[in-house]
C-alpha atoms as a PDB file:
ATOM      1  CA  MET A   1      91.951 -79.383   8.205  1.00  0.00           C
ATOM      2  CA  ASP A   2      94.587 -80.231   5.577  1.00  0.00           C
ATOM      3  CA  ARG A   3      96.035 -83.230   6.866  1.00  0.00           C
ATOM      4  CA  GLU A   4      94.998 -86.787   5.916  1.00  0.00           C
ATOM      5  CA  GLN A   5      93.405 -88.577   9.126  1.00  0.00           C
ATOM      6  CA  GLU A   6      96.151 -91.323   8.980  1.00  0.00           C
ATOM      7  CA  GLU A   7      98.598 -88.304   9.970  1.00  0.00           C
ATOM      8  CA  MET A   8      96.778 -86.833  12.685  1.00  0.00           C
ATOM      9  CA  GLN A   9      97.774 -90.186  15.144  1.00  0.00           C
ATOM     10  CA  PHE A  10     101.275 -88.142  15.140  1.00  0.00           C
ATOM     11  CA  LEU A  11     100.392 -85.191  16.075  1.00  0.00           C
ATOM     12  CA  GLY A  12     101.785 -84.471  19.444  1.00  0.00           C
ATOM     13  CA  LEU A  13     101.135 -81.304  21.863  1.00  0.00           C
ATOM     14  CA  PHE A  14     102.085 -78.820  19.941  1.00  0.00           C
ATOM     15  CA  GLY A  15     101.046 -80.356  16.784  1.00  0.00           C
ATOM     16  CA  ILE A  16      97.346 -80.227  18.080  1.00  0.00           C
ATOM     17  CA  TYR A  17      98.147 -76.506  19.039  1.00  0.00           C
ATOM     18  CA  ALA A  18      99.283 -75.602  15.958  1.00  0.00           C
ATOM     19  CA  GLU A  19      96.470 -77.187  14.123  1.00  0.00           C
ATOM     20  CA  SER A  20      93.741 -75.546  16.086  1.00  0.00           C
ATOM     21  CA  TYR A  21      95.129 -72.689  15.321  1.00  0.00           C
ATOM     22  CA  LYS A  22      95.154 -73.135  11.648  1.00  0.00           C
ATOM     23  CA  ILE A  23      91.733 -74.191  11.655  1.00  0.00           C
ATOM     24  CA  ILE A  24      90.485 -71.126  13.317  1.00  0.00           C
ATOM     25  CA  ILE A  25      92.722 -68.742  11.369  1.00  0.00           C
ATOM     26  CA  ALA A  26      92.071 -70.234   7.676  1.00  0.00           C
ATOM     27  CA  TRP A  27      87.970 -70.068   8.404  1.00  0.00           C
ATOM     28  CA  ARG A  28      87.877 -67.077  10.789  1.00  0.00           C
ATOM     29  CA  LYS A  29      85.206 -65.617   9.391  1.00  0.00           C
ATOM     30  CA  ILE A  30      82.705 -69.013  10.411  1.00  0.00           C
ATOM     31  CA  PHE A  31      84.683 -68.745  13.749  1.00  0.00           C
ATOM     32  CA  SER A  32      84.147 -65.147  14.090  1.00  0.00           C
ATOM     33  CA  GLN A  33      80.362 -65.734  13.273  1.00  0.00           C
ATOM     34  CA  ILE A  34      79.774 -68.688  15.880  1.00  0.00           C
ATOM     35  CA  SER A  35      82.202 -66.417  18.639  1.00  0.00           C
ATOM     36  CA  LEU A  36      79.707 -63.603  18.322  1.00  0.00           C
ATOM     37  CA  ALA A  37      76.283 -65.910  18.345  1.00  0.00           C
ATOM     38  CA  PHE A  38      77.256 -68.353  20.748  1.00  0.00           C
ATOM     39  CA  ILE A  39      80.617 -67.809  22.479  1.00  0.00           C
ATOM     40  CA  LEU A  40      80.722 -64.126  23.315  1.00  0.00           C
ATOM     41  CA  PRO A  41      77.545 -65.063  25.718  1.00  0.00           C
ATOM     42  CA  LEU A  42      78.834 -67.816  27.411  1.00  0.00           C
ATOM     43  CA  SER A  43      81.690 -65.883  27.842  1.00  0.00           C
ATOM     44  CA  PHE A  44      79.429 -62.631  29.010  1.00  0.00           C
ATOM     45  CA  VAL A  45      77.328 -64.866  31.265  1.00  0.00           C
ATOM     46  CA  PHE A  46      80.199 -66.408  33.180  1.00  0.00           C
ATOM     47  CA  LEU A  47      81.767 -63.089  34.043  1.00  0.00           C
ATOM     48  CA  ALA A  48      78.966 -61.332  35.398  1.00  0.00           C
ATOM     49  CA  HIS A  49      77.889 -63.983  37.102  1.00  0.00           C
ATOM     50  CA  LEU A  50      81.176 -63.598  39.172  1.00  0.00           C
ATOM     51  CA  GLU A  51      80.348 -59.632  39.113  1.00  0.00           C
ATOM     52  CA  VAL A  52      76.612 -60.463  40.203  1.00  0.00           C
ATOM     53  CA  TYR A  53      77.327 -63.122  42.576  1.00  0.00           C
ATOM     54  CA  ALA A  54      80.281 -60.833  44.606  1.00  0.00           C
ATOM     55  CA  LEU A  55      77.562 -57.892  45.405  1.00  0.00           C
ATOM     56  CA  LEU A  56      74.763 -60.434  46.004  1.00  0.00           C
ATOM     57  CA  PHE A  57      77.222 -61.980  48.743  1.00  0.00           C
ATOM     58  CA  SER A  58      78.357 -59.286  50.086  1.00  0.00           C
ATOM     59  CA  LYS A  59      75.067 -57.660  50.823  1.00  0.00           C
ATOM     60  CA  ILE A  60      74.276 -61.303  52.702  1.00  0.00           C
ATOM     61  CA  ARG A  61      77.170 -60.871  54.619  1.00  0.00           C
ATOM     62  CA  HIS A  62      76.559 -57.258  55.744  1.00  0.00           C
ATOM     63  CA  ASP A  63      73.178 -57.992  56.535  1.00  0.00           C
ATOM     64  CA  GLU A  64      74.098 -61.229  58.959  1.00  0.00           C
ATOM     65  CA  TYR A  65      76.459 -58.856  60.372  1.00  0.00           C
ATOM     66  CA  GLN A  66      73.906 -56.483  61.747  1.00  0.00           C
ATOM     67  CA  LEU A  67      71.677 -59.387  62.483  1.00  0.00           C
ATOM     68  CA  SER A  68      74.311 -60.564  64.960  1.00  0.00           C
ATOM     69  CA  GLY A  69      74.247 -57.464  66.468  1.00  0.00           C
ATOM     70  CA  THR A  70      70.405 -57.222  67.645  1.00  0.00           C
ATOM     71  CA  LEU A  71      68.044 -59.077  70.162  1.00  0.00           C
ATOM     72  CA  ASP A  72      66.391 -62.116  69.290  1.00  0.00           C
ATOM     73  CA  GLY A  73      62.770 -60.968  69.375  1.00  0.00           C
ATOM     74  CA  MET A  74      62.732 -57.289  68.379  1.00  0.00           C
ATOM     75  CA  GLN A  75      61.079 -55.927  65.382  1.00  0.00           C
ATOM     76  CA  LYS A  76      64.488 -54.790  63.781  1.00  0.00           C
ATOM     77  CA  HIS A  77      65.916 -58.418  64.037  1.00  0.00           C
ATOM     78  CA  ASN A  78      62.838 -60.192  62.519  1.00  0.00           C
ATOM     79  CA  LYS A  79      63.089 -57.568  59.668  1.00  0.00           C
ATOM     80  CA  LEU A  80      66.813 -58.451  59.408  1.00  0.00           C
ATOM     81  CA  SER A  81      66.129 -62.287  59.520  1.00  0.00           C
ATOM     82  CA  ASP A  82      63.402 -61.743  56.777  1.00  0.00           C
ATOM     83  CA  LEU A  83      65.697 -59.589  54.470  1.00  0.00           C
ATOM     84  CA  VAL A  84      68.450 -62.231  55.000  1.00  0.00           C
ATOM     85  CA  SER A  85      66.377 -65.297  54.145  1.00  0.00           C
ATOM     86  CA  SER A  86      64.754 -63.231  51.204  1.00  0.00           C
ATOM     87  CA  GLU A  87      68.025 -62.107  49.847  1.00  0.00           C
ATOM     88  CA  THR A  88      69.665 -65.589  50.036  1.00  0.00           C
ATOM     89  CA  THR A  89      66.357 -67.174  48.192  1.00  0.00           C
ATOM     90  CA  ILE A  90      67.528 -64.884  45.123  1.00  0.00           C
ATOM     91  CA  LEU A  91      71.213 -65.708  45.509  1.00  0.00           C
ATOM     92  CA  TRP A  92      70.162 -69.122  44.671  1.00  0.00           C
ATOM     93  CA  LEU A  93      67.595 -68.656  41.867  1.00  0.00           C
ATOM     94  CA  PHE A  94      70.670 -66.116  40.449  1.00  0.00           C
ATOM     95  CA  ARG A  95      72.477 -69.589  40.373  1.00  0.00           C
ATOM     96  CA  LEU A  96      69.961 -71.482  39.277  1.00  0.00           C
ATOM     97  CA  ALA A  97      69.816 -69.132  36.191  1.00  0.00           C
ATOM     98  CA  TYR A  98      73.284 -68.711  35.698  1.00  0.00           C
ATOM     99  CA  PHE A  99      73.596 -72.344  35.359  1.00  0.00           C
ATOM    100  CA  THR A 100      71.001 -72.587  33.012  1.00  0.00           C
ATOM    101  CA  CYS A 101      72.495 -69.765  30.654  1.00  0.00           C
ATOM    102  CA  PHE A 102      75.817 -71.068  30.789  1.00  0.00           C
ATOM    103  CA  LEU A 103      74.835 -75.044  30.542  1.00  0.00           C
ATOM    104  CA  VAL A 104      72.663 -73.737  27.048  1.00  0.00           C
ATOM    105  CA  PHE A 105      75.379 -71.252  25.625  1.00  0.00           C
ATOM    106  CA  SER A 106      77.925 -74.244  26.489  1.00  0.00           C
ATOM    107  CA  LEU A 107      75.857 -76.596  24.858  1.00  0.00           C
ATOM    108  CA  LEU A 108      75.291 -74.521  21.679  1.00  0.00           C
ATOM    109  CA  SER A 109      78.806 -73.719  21.479  1.00  0.00           C
ATOM    110  CA  THR A 110      79.936 -77.403  21.457  1.00  0.00           C
ATOM    111  CA  ILE A 111      77.473 -78.285  18.527  1.00  0.00           C
ATOM    112  CA  ALA A 112      78.433 -75.156  15.975  1.00  0.00           C
ATOM    113  CA  VAL A 113      82.155 -75.954  16.681  1.00  0.00           C
ATOM    114  CA  VAL A 114      81.954 -79.438  16.085  1.00  0.00           C
ATOM    115  CA  TYR A 115      79.683 -79.259  13.402  1.00  0.00           C
ATOM    116  CA  THR A 116      82.047 -76.678  11.861  1.00  0.00           C
ATOM    117  CA  ILE A 117      85.137 -78.480  12.103  1.00  0.00           C
ATOM    118  CA  THR A 118      83.322 -81.801  10.697  1.00  0.00           C
ATOM    119  CA  SER A 119      82.440 -79.770   7.587  1.00  0.00           C
ATOM    120  CA  ILE A 120      85.975 -78.650   7.126  1.00  0.00           C
ATOM    121  CA  TYR A 121      87.411 -82.180   7.554  1.00  0.00           C
ATOM    122  CA  THR A 122      84.922 -83.580   5.063  1.00  0.00           C
ATOM    123  CA  THR A 123      85.479 -80.070   2.691  1.00  0.00           C
ATOM    124  CA  ARG A 124      82.367 -79.137   2.714  1.00  0.00           C
ATOM    125  CA  SER A 125      80.877 -75.745   2.146  1.00  0.00           C
ATOM    126  CA  VAL A 126      79.796 -74.492   5.441  1.00  0.00           C
ATOM    127  CA  THR A 127      77.794 -71.059   6.433  1.00  0.00           C
ATOM    128  CA  PHE A 128      76.562 -69.907   9.524  1.00  0.00           C
ATOM    129  CA  LYS A 129      72.954 -70.498   8.648  1.00  0.00           C
ATOM    130  CA  LYS A 130      73.880 -74.215   7.822  1.00  0.00           C
ATOM    131  CA  VAL A 131      75.389 -74.298  11.605  1.00  0.00           C
ATOM    132  CA  MET A 132      71.890 -72.754  12.686  1.00  0.00           C
ATOM    133  CA  SER A 133      69.937 -75.300  11.273  1.00  0.00           C
ATOM    134  CA  VAL A 134      71.670 -77.881  12.587  1.00  0.00           C
ATOM    135  CA  VAL A 135      71.793 -76.692  16.653  1.00  0.00           C
ATOM    136  CA  PRO A 136      68.340 -77.556  17.137  1.00  0.00           C
ATOM    137  CA  LYS A 137      68.832 -81.087  16.128  1.00  0.00           C
ATOM    138  CA  VAL A 138      71.209 -82.106  18.108  1.00  0.00           C
ATOM    139  CA  TRP A 139      71.190 -80.510  21.348  1.00  0.00           C
ATOM    140  CA  LYS A 140      69.019 -83.209  22.833  1.00  0.00           C
ATOM    141  CA  ARG A 141      71.676 -85.938  22.585  1.00  0.00           C
ATOM    142  CA  LEU A 142      74.091 -83.432  23.856  1.00  0.00           C
ATOM    143  CA  MET A 143      72.282 -82.555  27.338  1.00  0.00           C
ATOM    144  CA  VAL A 144      71.544 -86.371  27.604  1.00  0.00           C
ATOM    145  CA  THR A 145      75.332 -86.929  27.448  1.00  0.00           C
ATOM    146  CA  PHE A 146      75.617 -83.725  29.927  1.00  0.00           C
ATOM    147  CA  LEU A 147      73.068 -85.590  32.340  1.00  0.00           C
ATOM    148  CA  CYS A 148      75.218 -88.534  32.776  1.00  0.00           C
ATOM    149  CA  ILE A 149      78.362 -87.282  33.445  1.00  0.00           C
ATOM    150  CA  PHE A 150      76.651 -84.609  35.739  1.00  0.00           C
ATOM    151  CA  PHE A 151      75.155 -87.651  37.690  1.00  0.00           C
ATOM    152  CA  THR A 152      78.641 -89.637  37.177  1.00  0.00           C
ATOM    153  CA  LEU A 153      80.531 -86.267  38.947  1.00  0.00           C
ATOM    154  CA  PHE A 154      77.858 -86.142  41.449  1.00  0.00           C
ATOM    155  CA  LEU A 155      78.603 -89.510  42.654  1.00  0.00           C
ATOM    156  CA  TYR A 156      82.254 -88.969  42.179  1.00  0.00           C
ATOM    157  CA  TYR A 157      81.698 -86.324  44.945  1.00  0.00           C
ATOM    158  CA  VAL A 158      79.769 -88.168  47.221  1.00  0.00           C
ATOM    159  CA  VAL A 159      82.165 -90.979  47.155  1.00  0.00           C
ATOM    160  CA  ALA A 160      85.364 -88.370  47.911  1.00  0.00           C
ATOM    161  CA  ALA A 161      83.577 -86.901  50.643  1.00  0.00           C
ATOM    162  CA  LEU A 162      83.001 -90.318  52.252  1.00  0.00           C
ATOM    163  CA  PHE A 163      86.105 -90.902  52.325  1.00  0.00           C
ATOM    164  CA  ILE A 164      87.218 -87.742  53.893  1.00  0.00           C
ATOM    165  CA  LEU A 165      84.711 -88.115  56.595  1.00  0.00           C
ATOM    166  CA  TRP A 166      86.278 -91.372  57.632  1.00  0.00           C
ATOM    167  CA  ALA A 167      89.684 -89.774  57.469  1.00  0.00           C
ATOM    168  CA  PHE A 168      88.269 -87.394  59.932  1.00  0.00           C
ATOM    169  CA  THR A 169      87.460 -90.240  61.941  1.00  0.00           C
ATOM    170  CA  VAL A 170      90.661 -91.286  62.334  1.00  0.00           C
ATOM    171  CA  ARG A 171      92.559 -90.903  65.773  1.00  0.00           C
ATOM    172  CA  ASP A 172      95.821 -90.651  64.554  1.00  0.00           C
ATOM    173  CA  ASN A 173      96.094 -87.342  62.947  1.00  0.00           C
ATOM    174  CA  ASP A 174      99.480 -87.818  60.831  1.00  0.00           C
ATOM    175  CA  ALA A 175      97.399 -91.017  59.681  1.00  0.00           C
ATOM    176  CA  ALA A 176      94.386 -88.751  59.355  1.00  0.00           C
ATOM    177  CA  ALA A 177      97.071 -85.991  57.397  1.00  0.00           C
ATOM    178  CA  SER A 178      98.501 -88.319  55.173  1.00  0.00           C
ATOM    179  CA  VAL A 179      95.372 -90.307  53.975  1.00  0.00           C
ATOM    180  CA  LEU A 180      93.778 -87.179  53.135  1.00  0.00           C
ATOM    181  CA  ARG A 181      96.828 -85.669  51.466  1.00  0.00           C
ATOM    182  CA  ILE A 182      96.608 -88.929  49.000  1.00  0.00           C
ATOM    183  CA  MET A 183      93.014 -88.685  48.728  1.00  0.00           C
ATOM    184  CA  PHE A 184      93.239 -84.958  47.400  1.00  0.00           C
ATOM    185  CA  ARG A 185      95.824 -86.313  44.685  1.00  0.00           C
ATOM    186  CA  LEU A 186      93.580 -89.438  43.794  1.00  0.00           C
ATOM    187  CA  TYR A 187      90.536 -86.626  43.946  1.00  0.00           C
ATOM    188  CA  ALA A 188      92.197 -84.197  41.685  1.00  0.00           C
ATOM    189  CA  ILE A 189      93.888 -87.132  39.102  1.00  0.00           C
ATOM    190  CA  GLY A 190      90.232 -88.548  38.819  1.00  0.00           C
ATOM    191  CA  PHE A 191      88.175 -84.936  38.904  1.00  0.00           C
ATOM    192  CA  ILE A 192      90.836 -84.027  35.512  1.00  0.00           C
ATOM    193  CA  TYR A 193      89.803 -87.790  33.747  1.00  0.00           C
ATOM    194  CA  LEU A 194      86.235 -87.122  34.063  1.00  0.00           C
ATOM    195  CA  THR A 195      86.658 -83.821  32.438  1.00  0.00           C
ATOM    196  CA  ILE A 196      88.678 -84.799  29.815  1.00  0.00           C
ATOM    197  CA  VAL A 197      85.605 -87.893  29.131  1.00  0.00           C
ATOM    198  CA  TRP A 198      83.396 -85.306  29.361  1.00  0.00           C
ATOM    199  CA  GLN A 199      84.941 -83.004  26.646  1.00  0.00           C
ATOM    200  CA  ILE A 200      85.543 -85.978  24.061  1.00  0.00           C
ATOM    201  CA  ALA A 201      82.314 -87.348  24.897  1.00  0.00           C
ATOM    202  CA  SER A 202      80.468 -84.134  23.401  1.00  0.00           C
ATOM    203  CA  VAL A 203      82.373 -84.642  20.204  1.00  0.00           C
ATOM    204  CA  VAL A 204      80.905 -88.022  20.216  1.00  0.00           C
ATOM    205  CA  SER A 205      77.538 -87.460  20.838  1.00  0.00           C
ATOM    206  CA  VAL A 206      77.710 -85.032  17.850  1.00  0.00           C
ATOM    207  CA  LEU A 207      79.398 -87.246  15.153  1.00  0.00           C
ATOM    208  CA  GLU A 208      78.587 -91.049  16.290  1.00  0.00           C
ATOM    209  CA  ASP A 209      75.627 -93.179  16.980  1.00  0.00           C
ATOM    210  CA  SER A 210      76.313 -93.201  20.829  1.00  0.00           C
ATOM    211  CA  TYR A 211      74.997 -90.952  23.457  1.00  0.00           C
ATOM    212  CA  GLY A 212      74.934 -90.354  27.120  1.00  0.00           C
ATOM    213  CA  PHE A 213      76.783 -93.361  29.102  1.00  0.00           C
ATOM    214  CA  LYS A 214      77.370 -95.000  25.892  1.00  0.00           C
ATOM    215  CA  ALA A 215      79.300 -91.598  24.672  1.00  0.00           C
ATOM    216  CA  MET A 216      81.315 -91.677  28.183  1.00  0.00           C
ATOM    217  CA  ILE A 217      82.322 -95.777  27.705  1.00  0.00           C
ATOM    218  CA  LYS A 218      83.429 -94.863  24.075  1.00  0.00           C
ATOM    219  CA  SER A 219      85.208 -91.782  24.836  1.00  0.00           C
ATOM    220  CA  LYS A 220      87.201 -93.292  27.645  1.00  0.00           C
ATOM    221  CA  ASN A 221      87.996 -95.810  25.301  1.00  0.00           C
ATOM    222  CA  LEU A 222      89.437 -93.454  22.589  1.00  0.00           C
ATOM    223  CA  ILE A 223      91.564 -91.557  24.762  1.00  0.00           C
ATOM    224  CA  LYS A 224      93.624 -94.477  25.550  1.00  0.00           C
ATOM    225  CA  GLY A 225      97.295 -93.928  23.916  1.00  0.00           C
ATOM    226  CA  LYS A 226      96.581 -90.315  24.185  1.00  0.00           C
ATOM    227  CA  THR A 227      95.673 -89.929  28.417  1.00  0.00           C
ATOM    228  CA  TRP A 228      99.021 -87.921  29.128  1.00  0.00           C
ATOM    229  CA  ILE A 229      98.638 -85.488  26.367  1.00  0.00           C
ATOM    230  CA  THR A 230      94.997 -84.649  26.546  1.00  0.00           C
ATOM    231  CA  ILE A 231      95.413 -84.454  30.450  1.00  0.00           C
ATOM    232  CA  VAL A 232      98.351 -81.942  30.064  1.00  0.00           C
ATOM    233  CA  ILE A 233      96.366 -79.997  27.397  1.00  0.00           C
ATOM    234  CA  PHE A 234      93.085 -79.741  29.277  1.00  0.00           C
ATOM    235  CA  PHE A 235      94.998 -79.201  32.857  1.00  0.00           C
ATOM    236  CA  LYS A 236      96.388 -76.232  31.115  1.00  0.00           C
ATOM    237  CA  LEU A 237      93.038 -74.506  29.522  1.00  0.00           C
ATOM    238  CA  ASN A 238      91.700 -74.921  32.892  1.00  0.00           C
ATOM    239  CA  LEU A 239      94.370 -73.207  34.282  1.00  0.00           C
ATOM    240  CA  ALA A 240      93.972 -70.408  32.313  1.00  0.00           C
ATOM    241  CA  MET A 241      90.588 -70.013  32.942  1.00  0.00           C
ATOM    242  CA  VAL A 242      91.387 -70.285  36.540  1.00  0.00           C
ATOM    243  CA  ALA A 243      93.775 -67.301  35.639  1.00  0.00           C
ATOM    244  CA  ILE A 244      91.279 -65.124  34.061  1.00  0.00           C
ATOM    245  CA  GLU A 245      88.975 -65.311  36.734  1.00  0.00           C
ATOM    246  CA  ILE A 246      91.425 -64.218  39.194  1.00  0.00           C
ATOM    247  CA  LEU A 247      92.599 -61.415  37.336  1.00  0.00           C
ATOM    248  CA  PHE A 248      88.531 -60.477  36.409  1.00  0.00           C
ATOM    249  CA  GLU A 249      88.081 -60.723  40.052  1.00  0.00           C
ATOM    250  CA  LYS A 250      91.087 -59.066  41.617  1.00  0.00           C
ATOM    251  CA  LEU A 251      90.579 -56.475  39.008  1.00  0.00           C
ATOM    252  CA  VAL A 252      87.134 -55.825  38.376  1.00  0.00           C
ATOM    253  CA  VAL A 253      85.018 -57.487  40.926  1.00  0.00           C
ATOM    254  CA  HIS A 254      87.165 -56.221  44.005  1.00  0.00           C
ATOM    255  CA  GLY A 255      89.187 -53.159  42.155  1.00  0.00           C
ATOM    256  CA  GLY A 256      87.498 -50.992  44.569  1.00  0.00           C
ATOM    257  CA  GLU A 257      88.973 -47.614  44.824  1.00  0.00           C
ATOM    258  CA  SER A 258      92.613 -49.109  44.138  1.00  0.00           C
ATOM    259  CA  VAL A 259      91.290 -49.395  40.179  1.00  0.00           C
ATOM    260  CA  SER A 260      89.113 -46.270  38.385  1.00  0.00           C
ATOM    261  CA  VAL A 261      86.304 -47.070  36.932  1.00  0.00           C
ATOM    262  CA  ALA A 262      87.248 -46.880  33.461  1.00  0.00           C
ATOM    263  CA  GLY A 263      90.211 -48.858  34.378  1.00  0.00           C
ATOM    264  CA  ARG A 264      87.644 -51.404  35.608  1.00  0.00           C
ATOM    265  CA  VAL A 265      85.635 -51.288  32.419  1.00  0.00           C
ATOM    266  CA  GLY A 266      89.191 -51.882  30.477  1.00  0.00           C
ATOM    267  CA  PHE A 267      89.991 -54.717  32.362  1.00  0.00           C
ATOM    268  CA  GLY A 268      86.411 -56.662  32.042  1.00  0.00           C
ATOM    269  CA  ILE A 269      86.641 -56.161  28.145  1.00  0.00           C
ATOM    270  CA  LEU A 270      90.372 -57.211  28.612  1.00  0.00           C
ATOM    271  CA  CYS A 271      88.880 -60.707  30.378  1.00  0.00           C
ATOM    272  CA  LEU A 272      85.801 -61.172  28.061  1.00  0.00           C
ATOM    273  CA  LEU A 273      87.995 -61.442  24.681  1.00  0.00           C
ATOM    274  CA  LEU A 274      90.749 -63.516  26.772  1.00  0.00           C
ATOM    275  CA  LEU A 275      87.777 -65.932  27.689  1.00  0.00           C
ATOM    276  CA  LEU A 276      86.272 -65.866  24.235  1.00  0.00           C
ATOM    277  CA  THR A 277      89.247 -66.781  23.011  1.00  0.00           C
ATOM    278  CA  LEU A 278      89.967 -69.622  25.392  1.00  0.00           C
ATOM    279  CA  PHE A 279      86.537 -71.125  25.052  1.00  0.00           C
ATOM    280  CA  LEU A 280      86.889 -71.185  20.845  1.00  0.00           C
ATOM    281  CA  PHE A 281      90.436 -72.464  21.379  1.00  0.00           C
ATOM    282  CA  GLY A 282      89.468 -75.419  23.689  1.00  0.00           C
ATOM    283  CA  LEU A 283      86.182 -76.276  21.696  1.00  0.00           C
ATOM    284  CA  VAL A 284      88.408 -76.575  18.373  1.00  0.00           C
ATOM    285  CA  ILE A 285      90.932 -78.440  20.209  1.00  0.00           C
ATOM    286  CA  GLN A 286      88.631 -81.051  21.459  1.00  0.00           C
ATOM    287  CA  THR A 287      87.261 -81.842  18.243  1.00  0.00           C
ATOM    288  CA  VAL A 288      90.668 -81.910  16.633  1.00  0.00           C
ATOM    289  CA  ILE A 289      91.668 -84.124  19.843  1.00  0.00           C
ATOM    290  CA  TYR A 290      88.978 -86.527  19.027  1.00  0.00           C
ATOM    291  CA  PHE A 291      89.900 -86.545  14.945  1.00  0.00           C
ATOM    292  CA  VAL A 292      93.483 -87.340  16.700  1.00  0.00           C
ATOM    293  CA  CYS A 293      92.141 -90.620  18.856  1.00  0.00           C
ATOM    294  CA  LYS A 294      90.539 -91.944  16.080  1.00  0.00           C
ATOM    295  CA  SER A 295      93.442 -91.870  13.923  1.00  0.00           C
ATOM    296  CA  TYR A 296      95.882 -92.961  16.857  1.00  0.00           C
ATOM    297  CA  HIS A 297      93.321 -96.496  17.075  1.00  0.00           C
ATOM    298  CA  HIS A 298      92.541 -96.857  13.277  1.00  0.00           C
ATOM    299  CA  GLU A 299      89.324 -96.029  13.212  1.00  0.00           C
ATOM    300  CA  ASN A 300      89.181 -94.386   9.563  1.00  0.00           C
ATOM    301  CA  ILE A 301      85.744 -92.303   8.716  1.00  0.00           C
ATOM    302  CA  ASP A 302      84.612 -92.433   4.703  1.00  0.00           C
ATOM    303  CA  LYS A 303      84.910 -88.803   4.626  1.00  0.00           C
ATOM    304  CA  SER A 304      82.227 -89.084   1.656  1.00  0.00           C
ATOM    305  CA  THR A 305      79.813 -90.928   3.715  1.00  0.00           C
ATOM    306  CA  LEU A 306      80.226 -88.346   6.821  1.00  0.00           C
ATOM    307  CA  SER A 307      79.733 -85.583   4.210  1.00  0.00           C
ATOM    308  CA  ASP A 308      76.239 -87.384   3.137  1.00  0.00           C
ATOM    309  CA  HIS A 309      75.358 -87.424   6.812  1.00  0.00           C
ATOM    310  CA  LEU A 310      76.007 -83.771   7.659  1.00  0.00           C
ATOM    311  CA  GLU A 311      73.620 -82.921   5.151  1.00  0.00           C
ATOM    312  CA  VAL A 312      70.973 -85.196   6.591  1.00  0.00           C
ATOM    313  CA  TYR A 313      71.909 -82.999   9.542  1.00  0.00           C
ATOM    314  CA  LEU A 314      70.084 -80.086   7.699  1.00  0.00           C
ATOM    315  CA  GLY A 315      66.843 -82.536   7.010  1.00  0.00           C
ATOM    316  CA  GLU A 316      65.889 -84.927   9.590  1.00  0.00           C
ATOM    317  CA  TYR A 317      68.505 -85.348  12.254  1.00  0.00           C
ATOM    318  CA  ALA A 318      70.522 -88.812  11.639  1.00  0.00           C
ATOM    319  CA  SER A 319      73.691 -89.402  13.348  1.00  0.00           C
ATOM    320  CA  VAL A 320      76.776 -90.931  12.127  1.00  0.00           C
ATOM    321  CA  THR A 321      76.586 -94.715  12.855  1.00  0.00           C
ATOM    322  CA  ALA A 322      79.513 -96.827  12.597  1.00  0.00           C
ATOM    323  CA  LYS A 323      77.492 -98.621   9.967  1.00  0.00           C
ATOM    324  CA  ASP A 324      76.683 -95.576   7.700  1.00  0.00           C
ATOM    325  CA  VAL A 325      80.093 -93.977   8.268  1.00  0.00           C
ATOM    326  CA  GLN A 326      81.830 -97.765   7.300  1.00  0.00           C
ATOM    327  CA  LEU A 327      84.054 -97.794  10.057  1.00  0.00           C
ATOM    328  CA  GLU A 328      87.138 -99.919   9.423  1.00  0.00           C
ATOM    329  CA  GLN A 329      88.949-101.413  11.992  1.00  0.00           C
ATOM    330  CA  ALA A 330      92.684-100.995  10.360  1.00  0.00           C
ATOM    331  CA  HIS A 331      95.183-102.827  12.386  1.00  0.00           C
ATOM    332  CA  VAL A 332      98.709-102.341  11.872  1.00  0.00           C
END
């Protein structure tokens, strides 16, 4: 990262993209190692989940269709009913296993990328061995932050569902439709905003003393002034992820007879590489945005002190507190 922190506050949309790209290219060896260790399994788990889920769901739908054509009480009906119940249980267990694996690799990838970029920022030597030794010392803090944002999103979903149910109780259909349109827009804006807070809070949890709800509050305050830039960036990243998912489902999962086996394998590998690149680019971007926001609010971190604390990561974990980092409020 060849920019001084004071200069980073002036980075706009394309400046953040360019800075992230330069970091990845300049340190491609370490990022390649991180990608192979954490981001490649993360991408594979995501795509494999789509394939396996489609197979299991299709099997359940087929058995349910056969079940609907048999009389209640018949032996065949009972067998099919038991089969559907067991398949549904397997589906939910599979979803739980997928969610767990995706979460683990997501947390590990985030820690590895944030630590690496911060080491680059402080001009420290960084190796994959050092990254691997840091990861187990930080994941608990990041897990707490994830659980807090998960709880917040859950409450957000509940409130949104209550408003939707209330809209259906309105007798005037036109009024109900208007309310639902407004609610959908507000819900989308709120969801995107919470996602941004989550991403920056993940970086805060690794580099600062704050984690959990405190990290979320810190993240919310940091993105002020850069809110629209972060919204556009993360919206584009999520849109690209949805595009890759759709491409994978159409050409690989539901390719059927229209795509040959070799073609499906080829498209599967292509989607895997695209998703890996997107995940890596997104993690680097969220860390760069963190430093951009710190610079925008004139919160200058002493590089030498931060470097000392990165060294502490290799021993007993100690977070970068405001006192240790000597955070200064440089008012213009």
